[in-house]
């Protein structure tokens, strides 16, 4: 028989022992690092692989200037979110190597998330 309302109130509430702002990044959470364990050169993404370093990185939007801010906070957690862009040499699935402009979201303590190829520069 399910507990009555009075009995349910007496049971302790299960809480996360580690608040999200103190949780280790390798813990199984919705953080970007759980999906993309590292952002070093040579890591394969959905349709490309970064060869070398990302250069000419710059912030193009920050805080409330990001249209996707509520979704980023809901999925990955609160943070000082920035939308950034930069250039890098990438290898496509069909083995072509191209210079491309990349866009991604980034927050301190969370890292880079949702990297996408915007256009080819060569």
PDB file of N, CA and C in Angstrom:
ATOM      1  N   UNK A   1       0.841  -1.174   0.000  1.00  0.00           N
ATOM      2  CA  UNK A   1       0.000   0.000   0.000  1.00  0.00           C
ATOM      3  C   UNK A   1       0.890   1.242   0.000  1.00  0.00           C
ATOM      4  N   UNK A   2       0.622   2.232  -0.859  1.00  0.00           N
ATOM      5  CA  UNK A   2       1.452   3.433  -0.896  1.00  0.00           C
ATOM      6  C   UNK A   2       1.323   4.229   0.398  1.00  0.00           C
ATOM      7  N   UNK A   3       2.386   4.958   0.770  1.00  0.00           N
ATOM      8  CA  UNK A   3       2.321   5.729   2.014  1.00  0.00           C
ATOM      9  C   UNK A   3       1.333   6.885   1.887  1.00  0.00           C
ATOM     10  N   UNK A   4       0.745   7.218   3.006  1.00  0.00           N
ATOM     11  CA  UNK A   4      -0.180   8.357   3.027  1.00  0.00           C
ATOM     12  C   UNK A   4       0.618   9.654   2.998  1.00  0.00           C
ATOM     13  N   UNK A   5      -0.073  10.765   2.868  1.00  0.00           N
ATOM     14  CA  UNK A   5       0.589  12.054   2.770  1.00  0.00           C
ATOM     15  C   UNK A   5       1.398  12.355   4.026  1.00  0.00           C
ATOM     16  N   UNK A   6       0.870  12.030   5.200  1.00  0.00           N
ATOM     17  CA  UNK A   6       1.577  12.275   6.454  1.00  0.00           C
ATOM     18  C   UNK A   6       2.845  11.438   6.556  1.00  0.00           C
ATOM     19  N   UNK A   7       2.796  10.167   6.104  1.00  0.00           N
ATOM     20  CA  UNK A   7       3.972   9.299   6.149  1.00  0.00           C
ATOM     21  C   UNK A   7       5.025   9.760   5.149  1.00  0.00           C
ATOM     22  N   UNK A   8       4.608  10.240   4.011  1.00  0.00           N
ATOM     23  CA  UNK A   8       5.557  10.686   2.993  1.00  0.00           C
ATOM     24  C   UNK A   8       6.338  11.901   3.484  1.00  0.00           C
ATOM     25  N   UNK A   9       5.701  12.774   4.255  1.00  0.00           N
ATOM     26  CA  UNK A   9       6.395  13.944   4.760  1.00  0.00           C
ATOM     27  C   UNK A   9       7.451  13.580   5.786  1.00  0.00           C
ATOM     28  N   UNK A  10       7.296  12.481   6.480  1.00  0.00           N
ATOM     29  CA  UNK A  10       8.234  12.094   7.515  1.00  0.00           C
ATOM     30  C   UNK A  10       9.499  11.467   6.946  1.00  0.00           C
ATOM     31  N   UNK A  11       9.471  10.971   5.721  1.00  0.00           N
ATOM     32  CA  UNK A  11      10.638  10.341   5.130  1.00  0.00           C
ATOM     33  C   UNK A  11      11.647  11.415   4.727  1.00  0.00           C
ATOM     34  N   UNK A  12      12.948  11.168   4.977  1.00  0.00           N
ATOM     35  CA  UNK A  12      13.947  12.176   4.596  1.00  0.00           C
ATOM     36  C   UNK A  12      14.053  12.288   3.073  1.00  0.00           C
ATOM     37  N   UNK A  13      14.356  13.484   2.627  1.00  0.00           N
ATOM     38  CA  UNK A  13      14.510  13.742   1.202  1.00  0.00           C
ATOM     39  C   UNK A  13      15.916  13.345   0.787  1.00  0.00           C
ATOM     40  N   UNK A  14      16.025  12.552  -0.272  1.00  0.00           N
ATOM     41  CA  UNK A  14      17.336  12.150  -0.777  1.00  0.00           C
ATOM     42  C   UNK A  14      17.967  13.335  -1.495  1.00  0.00           C
ATOM     43  N   UNK A  15      19.131  13.741  -1.044  1.00  0.00           N
ATOM     44  CA  UNK A  15      19.822  14.879  -1.656  1.00  0.00           C
ATOM     45  C   UNK A  15      21.148  14.411  -2.240  1.00  0.00           C
ATOM     46  N   UNK A  16      21.592  15.138  -3.251  1.00  0.00           N
ATOM     47  CA  UNK A  16      22.888  14.859  -3.844  1.00  0.00           C
ATOM     48  C   UNK A  16      23.960  15.244  -2.828  1.00  0.00           C
ATOM     49  N   UNK A  17      24.846  14.322  -2.429  1.00  0.00           N
ATOM     50  CA  UNK A  17      25.839  14.645  -1.407  1.00  0.00           C
ATOM     51  C   UNK A  17      26.860  15.684  -1.875  1.00  0.00           C
ATOM     52  N   UNK A  18      27.041  15.829  -3.188  1.00  0.00           N
ATOM     53  CA  UNK A  18      27.997  16.791  -3.718  1.00  0.00           C
ATOM     54  C   UNK A  18      27.237  17.799  -4.575  1.00  0.00           C
ATOM     55  N   UNK A  19      27.201  19.075  -4.170  1.00  0.00           N
ATOM     56  CA  UNK A  19      26.519  20.066  -5.005  1.00  0.00           C
ATOM     57  C   UNK A  19      27.140  20.116  -6.394  1.00  0.00           C
ATOM     58  N   UNK A  20      26.345  20.487  -7.397  1.00  0.00           N
ATOM     59  CA  UNK A  20      26.812  20.446  -8.779  1.00  0.00           C
ATOM     60  C   UNK A  20      28.032  21.337  -9.006  1.00  0.00           C
ATOM     61  N   UNK A  21      28.154  22.442  -8.268  1.00  0.00           N
ATOM     62  CA  UNK A  21      29.302  23.316  -8.495  1.00  0.00           C
ATOM     63  C   UNK A  21      30.597  22.716  -7.954  1.00  0.00           C
ATOM     64  N   UNK A  22      30.509  21.661  -7.109  1.00  0.00           N
ATOM     65  CA  UNK A  22      31.697  21.021  -6.558  1.00  0.00           C
ATOM     66  C   UNK A  22      31.931  19.628  -7.126  1.00  0.00           C
ATOM     67  N   UNK A  23      31.070  19.191  -8.044  1.00  0.00           N
ATOM     68  CA  UNK A  23      31.177  17.836  -8.579  1.00  0.00           C
ATOM     69  C   UNK A  23      32.377  17.729  -9.511  1.00  0.00           C
ATOM     70  N   UNK A  24      33.082  16.603  -9.451  1.00  0.00           N
ATOM     71  CA  UNK A  24      34.213  16.367 -10.340  1.00  0.00           C
ATOM     72  C   UNK A  24      33.714  16.262 -11.770  1.00  0.00           C
ATOM     73  N   UNK A  25      34.528  16.713 -12.722  1.00  0.00           N
ATOM     74  CA  UNK A  25      34.117  16.710 -14.119  1.00  0.00           C
ATOM     75  C   UNK A  25      34.056  15.311 -14.706  1.00  0.00           C
ATOM     76  N   UNK A  26      34.770  14.344 -14.104  1.00  0.00           N
ATOM     77  CA  UNK A  26      34.716  12.989 -14.646  1.00  0.00           C
ATOM     78  C   UNK A  26      33.549  12.191 -14.068  1.00  0.00           C
ATOM     79  N   UNK A  27      32.736  12.826 -13.213  1.00  0.00           N
ATOM     80  CA  UNK A  27      31.554  12.160 -12.679  1.00  0.00           C
ATOM     81  C   UNK A  27      30.503  12.037 -13.789  1.00  0.00           C
ATOM     82  N   UNK A  28      29.679  11.001 -13.747  1.00  0.00           N
ATOM     83  CA  UNK A  28      28.671  10.829 -14.811  1.00  0.00           C
ATOM     84  C   UNK A  28      27.564  11.859 -14.700  1.00  0.00           C
ATOM     85  N   UNK A  29      27.705  12.973 -15.400  1.00  0.00           N
ATOM     86  CA  UNK A  29      26.711  14.038 -15.393  1.00  0.00           C
ATOM     87  C   UNK A  29      26.462  14.467 -16.819  1.00  0.00           C
ATOM     88  N   UNK A  30      25.710  15.533 -16.978  1.00  0.00           N
ATOM     89  CA  UNK A  30      25.398  16.052 -18.312  1.00  0.00           C
ATOM     90  C   UNK A  30      26.443  17.054 -18.778  1.00  0.00           C
ATOM     91  N   UNK A  31      27.565  17.160 -18.066  1.00  0.00           N
ATOM     92  CA  UNK A  31      28.598  18.103 -18.470  1.00  0.00           C
ATOM     93  C   UNK A  31      29.186  17.714 -19.810  1.00  0.00           C
ATOM     94  N   UNK A  32      29.768  18.698 -20.472  1.00  0.00           N
ATOM     95  CA  UNK A  32      30.374  18.474 -21.787  1.00  0.00           C
ATOM     96  C   UNK A  32      31.467  17.427 -21.715  1.00  0.00           C
ATOM     97  N   UNK A  33      32.227  17.404 -20.633  1.00  0.00           N
ATOM     98  CA  UNK A  33      33.328  16.457 -20.530  1.00  0.00           C
ATOM     99  C   UNK A  33      32.845  15.017 -20.487  1.00  0.00           C
ATOM    100  N   UNK A  34      31.599  14.811 -20.048  1.00  0.00           N
ATOM    101  CA  UNK A  34      31.057  13.461 -20.053  1.00  0.00           C
ATOM    102  C   UNK A  34      30.786  13.008 -21.484  1.00  0.00           C
ATOM    103  N   UNK A  35      30.436  13.943 -22.362  1.00  0.00           N
ATOM    104  CA  UNK A  35      30.167  13.620 -23.757  1.00  0.00           C
ATOM    105  C   UNK A  35      31.455  13.633 -24.557  1.00  0.00           C
ATOM    106  N   UNK A  36      32.269  14.671 -24.372  1.00  0.00           N
ATOM    107  CA  UNK A  36      33.547  14.805 -25.059  1.00  0.00           C
ATOM    108  C   UNK A  36      34.638  14.782 -23.999  1.00  0.00           C
ATOM    109  N   UNK A  37      35.288  13.629 -23.767  1.00  0.00           N
ATOM    110  CA  UNK A  37      36.223  13.528 -22.653  1.00  0.00           C
ATOM    111  C   UNK A  37      37.409  14.474 -22.737  1.00  0.00           C
ATOM    112  N   UNK A  38      37.828  14.885 -23.908  1.00  0.00           N
ATOM    113  CA  UNK A  38      38.953  15.795 -24.020  1.00  0.00           C
ATOM    114  C   UNK A  38      38.792  16.633 -25.276  1.00  0.00           C
ATOM    115  N   UNK A  39      39.374  17.807 -25.259  1.00  0.00           N
ATOM    116  CA  UNK A  39      39.292  18.691 -26.420  1.00  0.00           C
ATOM    117  C   UNK A  39      40.651  18.866 -27.055  1.00  0.00           C
ATOM    118  N   UNK A  40      41.523  17.901 -26.916  1.00  0.00           N
ATOM    119  CA  UNK A  40      42.851  17.974 -27.511  1.00  0.00           C
ATOM    120  C   UNK A  40      42.767  17.726 -29.011  1.00  0.00           C
ATOM    121  N   UNK A  41      43.830  18.068 -29.698  1.00  0.00           N
ATOM    122  CA  UNK A  41      43.879  17.839 -31.143  1.00  0.00           C
ATOM    123  C   UNK A  41      43.776  16.345 -31.415  1.00  0.00           C
ATOM    124  N   UNK A  42      43.123  16.011 -32.492  1.00  0.00           N
ATOM    125  CA  UNK A  42      43.000  14.611 -32.885  1.00  0.00           C
ATOM    126  C   UNK A  42      41.740  13.940 -32.385  1.00  0.00           C
ATOM    127  N   UNK A  43      40.921  14.618 -31.605  1.00  0.00           N
ATOM    128  CA  UNK A  43      39.681  14.027 -31.122  1.00  0.00           C
ATOM    129  C   UNK A  43      38.647  14.092 -32.238  1.00  0.00           C
ATOM    130  N   UNK A  44      37.930  13.012 -32.457  1.00  0.00           N
ATOM    131  CA  UNK A  44      36.937  12.959 -33.518  1.00  0.00           C
ATOM    132  C   UNK A  44      35.589  13.439 -33.005  1.00  0.00           C
ATOM    133  N   UNK A  45      34.937  14.329 -33.755  1.00  0.00           N
ATOM    134  CA  UNK A  45      33.603  14.805 -33.441  1.00  0.00           C
ATOM    135  C   UNK A  45      32.639  14.160 -34.427  1.00  0.00           C
ATOM    136  N   UNK A  46      31.422  14.654 -34.501  1.00  0.00           N
ATOM    137  CA  UNK A  46      30.407  13.984 -35.305  1.00  0.00           C
ATOM    138  C   UNK A  46      30.773  13.866 -36.768  1.00  0.00           C
ATOM    139  N   UNK A  47      31.291  14.919 -37.387  1.00  0.00           N
ATOM    140  CA  UNK A  47      31.589  14.834 -38.815  1.00  0.00           C
ATOM    141  C   UNK A  47      32.980  15.332 -39.156  1.00  0.00           C
ATOM    142  N   UNK A  48      33.799  15.628 -38.145  1.00  0.00           N
ATOM    143  CA  UNK A  48      35.150  16.088 -38.422  1.00  0.00           C
ATOM    144  C   UNK A  48      36.068  15.785 -37.253  1.00  0.00           C
ATOM    145  N   UNK A  49      37.367  15.915 -37.519  1.00  0.00           N
ATOM    146  CA  UNK A  49      38.399  15.678 -36.522  1.00  0.00           C
ATOM    147  C   UNK A  49      39.345  16.866 -36.559  1.00  0.00           C
ATOM    148  N   UNK A  50      39.656  17.459 -35.403  1.00  0.00           N
ATOM    149  CA  UNK A  50      40.533  18.623 -35.358  1.00  0.00           C
ATOM    150  C   UNK A  50      41.977  18.158 -35.452  1.00  0.00           C
ATOM    151  N   UNK A  51      42.722  18.780 -36.372  1.00  0.00           N
ATOM    152  CA  UNK A  51      44.143  18.501 -36.535  1.00  0.00           C
ATOM    153  C   UNK A  51      44.904  19.734 -36.073  1.00  0.00           C
ATOM    154  N   UNK A  52      45.660  19.641 -35.029  1.00  0.00           N
ATOM    155  CA  UNK A  52      46.396  20.798 -34.529  1.00  0.00           C
ATOM    156  C   UNK A  52      45.583  21.600 -33.535  1.00  0.00           C
ATOM    157  N   UNK A  53      45.944  22.872 -33.383  1.00  0.00           N
ATOM    158  CA  UNK A  53      45.311  23.737 -32.392  1.00  0.00           C
ATOM    159  C   UNK A  53      44.295  24.666 -33.038  1.00  0.00           C
ATOM    160  N   UNK A  54      43.373  25.165 -32.217  1.00  0.00           N
ATOM    161  CA  UNK A  54      42.415  26.175 -32.675  1.00  0.00           C
ATOM    162  C   UNK A  54      43.100  27.529 -32.544  1.00  0.00           C
ATOM    163  N   UNK A  55      43.158  28.284 -33.647  1.00  0.00           N
ATOM    164  CA  UNK A  55      43.817  29.588 -33.614  1.00  0.00           C
ATOM    165  C   UNK A  55      42.793  30.700 -33.825  1.00  0.00           C
ATOM    166  N   UNK A  56      43.208  31.924 -33.544  1.00  0.00           N
ATOM    167  CA  UNK A  56      42.372  33.112 -33.707  1.00  0.00           C
ATOM    168  C   UNK A  56      41.035  32.980 -32.967  1.00  0.00           C
ATOM    169  N   UNK A  57      41.075  32.399 -31.768  1.00  0.00           N
ATOM    170  CA  UNK A  57      39.848  32.232 -30.986  1.00  0.00           C
ATOM    171  C   UNK A  57      39.419  33.586 -30.422  1.00  0.00           C
ATOM    172  N   UNK A  58      38.142  33.884 -30.540  1.00  0.00           N
ATOM    173  CA  UNK A  58      37.600  35.126 -30.003  1.00  0.00           C
ATOM    174  C   UNK A  58      36.177  34.908 -29.530  1.00  0.00           C
ATOM    175  N   UNK A  59      35.756  35.707 -28.561  1.00  0.00           N
ATOM    176  CA  UNK A  59      34.399  35.641 -28.026  1.00  0.00           C
ATOM    177  C   UNK A  59      33.478  36.468 -28.917  1.00  0.00           C
ATOM    178  N   UNK A  60      32.362  35.858 -29.345  1.00  0.00           N
ATOM    179  CA  UNK A  60      31.415  36.587 -30.190  1.00  0.00           C
ATOM    180  C   UNK A  60      30.129  36.936 -29.446  1.00  0.00           C
ATOM    181  N   UNK A  61      29.855  36.286 -28.320  1.00  0.00           N
ATOM    182  CA  UNK A  61      28.698  36.636 -27.483  1.00  0.00           C
ATOM    183  C   UNK A  61      28.980  36.143 -26.067  1.00  0.00           C
ATOM    184  N   UNK A  62      28.385  36.839 -25.093  1.00  0.00           N
ATOM    185  CA  UNK A  62      28.629  36.477 -23.703  1.00  0.00           C
ATOM    186  C   UNK A  62      27.372  36.735 -22.882  1.00  0.00           C
ATOM    187  N   UNK A  63      27.109  35.854 -21.915  1.00  0.00           N
ATOM    188  CA  UNK A  63      25.988  36.045 -20.997  1.00  0.00           C
ATOM    189  C   UNK A  63      24.646  36.105 -21.708  1.00  0.00           C
ATOM    190  N   UNK A  64      23.877  37.148 -21.433  1.00  0.00           N
ATOM    191  CA  UNK A  64      22.529  37.247 -21.994  1.00  0.00           C
ATOM    192  C   UNK A  64      22.521  37.504 -23.495  1.00  0.00           C
ATOM    193  N   UNK A  65      23.668  37.776 -24.086  1.00  0.00           N
ATOM    194  CA  UNK A  65      23.755  37.940 -25.526  1.00  0.00           C
ATOM    195  C   UNK A  65      23.691  36.621 -26.282  1.00  0.00           C
ATOM    196  N   UNK A  66      23.715  35.506 -25.566  1.00  0.00           N
ATOM    197  CA  UNK A  66      23.633  34.181 -26.186  1.00  0.00           C
ATOM    198  C   UNK A  66      22.168  33.772 -26.244  1.00  0.00           C
ATOM    199  N   UNK A  67      21.669  33.486 -27.436  1.00  0.00           N
ATOM    200  CA  UNK A  67      20.257  33.103 -27.591  1.00  0.00           C
ATOM    201  C   UNK A  67      19.946  31.780 -26.910  1.00  0.00           C
ATOM    202  N   UNK A  68      20.912  30.881 -26.875  1.00  0.00           N
ATOM    203  CA  UNK A  68      20.710  29.541 -26.333  1.00  0.00           C
ATOM    204  C   UNK A  68      21.006  29.448 -24.833  1.00  0.00           C
ATOM    205  N   UNK A  69      21.153  30.557 -24.138  1.00  0.00           N
ATOM    206  CA  UNK A  69      21.578  30.551 -22.741  1.00  0.00           C
ATOM    207  C   UNK A  69      20.677  29.724 -21.815  1.00  0.00           C
ATOM    208  N   UNK A  70      19.351  29.842 -21.875  1.00  0.00           N
ATOM    209  CA  UNK A  70      18.524  29.012 -20.988  1.00  0.00           C
ATOM    210  C   UNK A  70      18.736  27.510 -21.219  1.00  0.00           C
ATOM    211  N   UNK A  71      18.875  27.103 -22.480  1.00  0.00           N
ATOM    212  CA  UNK A  71      19.100  25.682 -22.775  1.00  0.00           C
ATOM    213  C   UNK A  71      20.467  25.232 -22.277  1.00  0.00           C
ATOM    214  N   UNK A  72      21.507  26.046 -22.461  1.00  0.00           N
ATOM    215  CA  UNK A  72      22.847  25.683 -21.986  1.00  0.00           C
ATOM    216  C   UNK A  72      22.862  25.515 -20.478  1.00  0.00           C
ATOM    217  N   UNK A  73      22.202  26.421 -19.764  1.00  0.00           N
ATOM    218  CA  UNK A  73      22.151  26.312 -18.303  1.00  0.00           C
ATOM    219  C   UNK A  73      21.357  25.092 -17.860  1.00  0.00           C
ATOM    220  N   UNK A  74      20.285  24.762 -18.593  1.00  0.00           N
ATOM    221  CA  UNK A  74      19.479  23.603 -18.239  1.00  0.00           C
ATOM    222  C   UNK A  74      20.234  22.299 -18.489  1.00  0.00           C
ATOM    223  N   UNK A  75      20.931  22.209 -19.615  1.00  0.00           N
ATOM    224  CA  UNK A  75      21.603  20.964 -19.992  1.00  0.00           C
ATOM    225  C   UNK A  75      22.929  20.779 -19.270  1.00  0.00           C
ATOM    226  N   UNK A  76      23.775  21.822 -19.224  1.00  0.00           N
ATOM    227  CA  UNK A  76      25.126  21.681 -18.702  1.00  0.00           C
ATOM    228  C   UNK A  76      25.341  22.296 -17.336  1.00  0.00           C
ATOM    229  N   UNK A  77      24.446  23.172 -16.894  1.00  0.00           N
ATOM    230  CA  UNK A  77      24.582  23.786 -15.588  1.00  0.00           C
ATOM    231  C   UNK A  77      24.921  25.262 -15.679  1.00  0.00           C
ATOM    232  N   UNK A  78      24.842  25.968 -14.545  1.00  0.00           N
ATOM    233  CA  UNK A  78      25.130  27.397 -14.557  1.00  0.00           C
ATOM    234  C   UNK A  78      26.614  27.659 -14.762  1.00  0.00           C
ATOM    235  N   UNK A  79      26.913  28.786 -15.323  1.00  0.00           N
ATOM    236  CA  UNK A  79      28.300  29.172 -15.550  1.00  0.00           C
ATOM    237  C   UNK A  79      28.354  30.483 -16.312  1.00  0.00           C
ATOM    238  N   UNK A  80      29.543  31.013 -16.459  1.00  0.00           N
ATOM    239  CA  UNK A  80      29.751  32.233 -17.233  1.00  0.00           C
ATOM    240  C   UNK A  80      29.894  31.818 -18.696  1.00  0.00           C
ATOM    241  N   UNK A  81      28.785  31.675 -19.391  1.00  0.00           N
ATOM    242  CA  UNK A  81      28.770  31.122 -20.744  1.00  0.00           C
ATOM    243  C   UNK A  81      29.212  32.145 -21.776  1.00  0.00           C
ATOM    244  N   UNK A  82      30.007  31.681 -22.733  1.00  0.00           N
ATOM    245  CA  UNK A  82      30.453  32.486 -23.865  1.00  0.00           C
ATOM    246  C   UNK A  82      30.277  31.683 -25.138  1.00  0.00           C
ATOM    247  N   UNK A  83      29.919  32.374 -26.229  1.00  0.00           N
ATOM    248  CA  UNK A  83      29.937  31.751 -27.550  1.00  0.00           C
ATOM    249  C   UNK A  83      31.214  32.229 -28.208  1.00  0.00           C
ATOM    250  N   UNK A  84      32.040  31.278 -28.701  1.00  0.00           N
ATOM    251  CA  UNK A  84      33.342  31.619 -29.247  1.00  0.00           C
ATOM    252  C   UNK A  84      33.497  31.082 -30.652  1.00  0.00           C
ATOM    253  N   UNK A  85      34.457  31.651 -31.370  1.00  0.00           N
ATOM    254  CA  UNK A  85      34.778  31.145 -32.697  1.00  0.00           C
ATOM    255  C   UNK A  85      36.288  31.169 -32.876  1.00  0.00           C
ATOM    256  N   UNK A  86      36.755  30.308 -33.781  1.00  0.00           N
ATOM    257  CA  UNK A  86      38.175  30.231 -34.078  1.00  0.00           C
ATOM    258  C   UNK A  86      38.371  29.430 -35.353  1.00  0.00           C
ATOM    259  N   UNK A  87      39.618  29.336 -35.801  1.00  0.00           N
ATOM    260  CA  UNK A  87      39.916  28.573 -37.013  1.00  0.00           C
ATOM    261  C   UNK A  87      40.820  27.409 -36.677  1.00  0.00           C
ATOM    262  N   UNK A  88      40.652  26.334 -37.429  1.00  0.00           N
ATOM    263  CA  UNK A  88      41.482  25.146 -37.233  1.00  0.00           C
ATOM    264  C   UNK A  88      41.464  24.312 -38.504  1.00  0.00           C
ATOM    265  N   UNK A  89      42.495  23.514 -38.661  1.00  0.00           N
ATOM    266  CA  UNK A  89      42.543  22.560 -39.760  1.00  0.00           C
ATOM    267  C   UNK A  89      41.813  21.311 -39.283  1.00  0.00           C
ATOM    268  N   UNK A  90      40.848  20.852 -40.080  1.00  0.00           N
ATOM    269  CA  UNK A  90      40.047  19.692 -39.697  1.00  0.00           C
ATOM    270  C   UNK A  90      40.103  18.630 -40.789  1.00  0.00           C
ATOM    271  N   UNK A  91      39.863  17.394 -40.375  1.00  0.00           N
ATOM    272  CA  UNK A  91      39.770  16.281 -41.325  1.00  0.00           C
ATOM    273  C   UNK A  91      38.319  15.814 -41.340  1.00  0.00           C
ATOM    274  N   UNK A  92      37.723  15.811 -42.505  1.00  0.00           N
ATOM    275  CA  UNK A  92      36.326  15.416 -42.656  1.00  0.00           C
ATOM    276  C   UNK A  92      36.208  13.901 -42.707  1.00  0.00           C
ATOM    277  N   UNK A  93      34.973  13.409 -42.647  1.00  0.00           N
ATOM    278  CA  UNK A  93      34.729  11.968 -42.720  1.00  0.00           C
ATOM    279  C   UNK A  93      35.217  11.360 -44.028  1.00  0.00           C
ATOM    280  N   UNK A  94      35.207  12.152 -45.114  1.00  0.00           N
ATOM    281  CA  UNK A  94      35.664  11.630 -46.405  1.00  0.00           C
ATOM    282  C   UNK A  94      37.167  11.814 -46.590  1.00  0.00           C
ATOM    283  N   UNK A  95      37.916  12.074 -45.517  1.00  0.00           N
ATOM    284  CA  UNK A  95      39.373  12.158 -45.439  1.00  0.00           C
ATOM    285  C   UNK A  95      39.944  13.460 -46.028  1.00  0.00           C
ATOM    286  N   UNK A  96      39.112  14.383 -46.500  1.00  0.00           N
ATOM    287  CA  UNK A  96      39.605  15.684 -46.945  1.00  0.00           C
ATOM    288  C   UNK A  96      40.084  16.478 -45.737  1.00  0.00           C
ATOM    289  N   UNK A  97      41.158  17.243 -45.912  1.00  0.00           N
ATOM    290  CA  UNK A  97      41.668  18.122 -44.867  1.00  0.00           C
ATOM    291  C   UNK A  97      41.419  19.553 -45.309  1.00  0.00           C
ATOM    292  N   UNK A  98      40.689  20.321 -44.480  1.00  0.00           N
ATOM    293  CA  UNK A  98      40.281  21.678 -44.834  1.00  0.00           C
ATOM    294  C   UNK A  98      40.541  22.614 -43.657  1.00  0.00           C
ATOM    295  N   UNK A  99      40.722  23.893 -43.961  1.00  0.00           N
ATOM    296  CA  UNK A  99      40.781  24.932 -42.945  1.00  0.00           C
ATOM    297  C   UNK A  99      39.357  25.437 -42.746  1.00  0.00           C
ATOM    298  N   UNK A 100      38.876  25.454 -41.510  1.00  0.00           N
ATOM    299  CA  UNK A 100      37.478  25.789 -41.262  1.00  0.00           C
ATOM    300  C   UNK A 100      37.338  26.736 -40.081  1.00  0.00           C
ATOM    301  N   UNK A 101      36.233  27.475 -40.102  1.00  0.00           N
ATOM    302  CA  UNK A 101      35.855  28.290 -38.951  1.00  0.00           C
ATOM    303  C   UNK A 101      34.952  27.443 -38.070  1.00  0.00           C
ATOM    304  N   UNK A 102      35.272  27.402 -36.781  1.00  0.00           N
ATOM    305  CA  UNK A 102      34.514  26.590 -35.822  1.00  0.00           C
ATOM    306  C   UNK A 102      33.844  27.513 -34.817  1.00  0.00           C
ATOM    307  N   UNK A 103      32.645  27.163 -34.389  1.00  0.00           N
ATOM    308  CA  UNK A 103      31.934  27.881 -33.329  1.00  0.00           C
ATOM    309  C   UNK A 103      31.636  26.893 -32.207  1.00  0.00           C
ATOM    310  N   UNK A 104      31.679  27.360 -30.959  1.00  0.00           N
ATOM    311  CA  UNK A 104      31.371  26.509 -29.818  1.00  0.00           C
ATOM    312  C   UNK A 104      30.936  27.379 -28.640  1.00  0.00           C
ATOM    313  N   UNK A 105      30.353  26.716 -27.635  1.00  0.00           N
ATOM    314  CA  UNK A 105      29.998  27.373 -26.373  1.00  0.00           C
ATOM    315  C   UNK A 105      31.008  26.929 -25.337  1.00  0.00           C
ATOM    316  N   UNK A 106      31.268  27.794 -24.357  1.00  0.00           N
ATOM    317  CA  UNK A 106      32.292  27.494 -23.365  1.00  0.00           C
ATOM    318  C   UNK A 106      31.928  28.174 -22.059  1.00  0.00           C
ATOM    319  N   UNK A 107      32.187  27.497 -20.941  1.00  0.00           N
ATOM    320  CA  UNK A 107      31.984  28.088 -19.611  1.00  0.00           C
ATOM    321  C   UNK A 107      33.097  27.616 -18.690  1.00  0.00           C
ATOM    322  N   UNK A 108      33.483  28.480 -17.776  1.00  0.00           N
ATOM    323  CA  UNK A 108      34.522  28.146 -16.809  1.00  0.00           C
ATOM    324  C   UNK A 108      34.054  26.981 -15.936  1.00  0.00           C
ATOM    325  N   UNK A 109      34.882  25.985 -15.778  1.00  0.00           N
ATOM    326  CA  UNK A 109      34.546  24.820 -14.967  1.00  0.00           C
ATOM    327  C   UNK A 109      33.772  23.758 -15.715  1.00  0.00           C
ATOM    328  N   UNK A 110      33.272  24.076 -16.891  1.00  0.00           N
ATOM    329  CA  UNK A 110      32.525  23.110 -17.694  1.00  0.00           C
ATOM    330  C   UNK A 110      33.302  22.774 -18.955  1.00  0.00           C
ATOM    331  N   UNK A 111      33.863  23.760 -19.607  1.00  0.00           N
ATOM    332  CA  UNK A 111      34.668  23.527 -20.800  1.00  0.00           C
ATOM    333  C   UNK A 111      33.921  23.857 -22.073  1.00  0.00           C
ATOM    334  N   UNK A 112      34.469  23.382 -23.192  1.00  0.00           N
ATOM    335  CA  UNK A 112      33.871  23.644 -24.503  1.00  0.00           C
ATOM    336  C   UNK A 112      32.766  22.647 -24.792  1.00  0.00           C
ATOM    337  N   UNK A 113      31.676  23.139 -25.369  1.00  0.00           N
ATOM    338  CA  UNK A 113      30.526  22.295 -25.678  1.00  0.00           C
ATOM    339  C   UNK A 113      30.022  22.589 -27.080  1.00  0.00           C
ATOM    340  N   UNK A 114      29.475  21.573 -27.710  1.00  0.00           N
ATOM    341  CA  UNK A 114      28.734  21.698 -28.963  1.00  0.00           C
ATOM    342  C   UNK A 114      29.529  22.421 -30.051  1.00  0.00           C
ATOM    343  N   UNK A 115      30.675  21.895 -30.371  1.00  0.00           N
ATOM    344  CA  UNK A 115      31.493  22.486 -31.427  1.00  0.00           C
ATOM    345  C   UNK A 115      30.883  22.175 -32.782  1.00  0.00           C
ATOM    346  N   UNK A 116      30.821  23.182 -33.645  1.00  0.00           N
ATOM    347  CA  UNK A 116      30.257  22.984 -34.979  1.00  0.00           C
ATOM    348  C   UNK A 116      31.098  23.710 -36.022  1.00  0.00           C
ATOM    349  N   UNK A 117      31.121  23.158 -37.200  1.00  0.00           N
ATOM    350  CA  UNK A 117      31.843  23.736 -38.333  1.00  0.00           C
ATOM    351  C   UNK A 117      30.914  24.726 -39.016  1.00  0.00           C
ATOM    352  N   UNK A 118      31.358  25.967 -39.178  1.00  0.00           N
ATOM    353  CA  UNK A 118      30.503  26.973 -39.794  1.00  0.00           C
ATOM    354  C   UNK A 118      30.785  27.155 -41.277  1.00  0.00           C
ATOM    355  N   UNK A 119      32.064  27.308 -41.641  1.00  0.00           N
ATOM    356  CA  UNK A 119      32.386  27.487 -43.068  1.00  0.00           C
ATOM    357  C   UNK A 119      33.839  27.102 -43.305  1.00  0.00           C
ATOM    358  N   UNK A 120      34.129  26.828 -44.583  1.00  0.00           N
ATOM    359  CA  UNK A 120      35.494  26.513 -44.982  1.00  0.00           C
ATOM    360  C   UNK A 120      36.201  27.792 -45.363  1.00  0.00           C
ATOM    361  N   UNK A 121      37.477  27.912 -45.008  1.00  0.00           N
ATOM    362  CA  UNK A 121      38.237  29.099 -45.292  1.00  0.00           C
ATOM    363  C   UNK A 121      39.270  28.895 -46.408  1.00  0.00           C
ATOM    364  N   UNK A 122      39.346  27.713 -46.981  1.00  0.00           N
ATOM    365  CA  UNK A 122      40.290  27.483 -48.090  1.00  0.00           C
ATOM    366  C   UNK A 122      39.575  27.053 -49.360  1.00  0.00           C
TER     367      UNK A 122
END
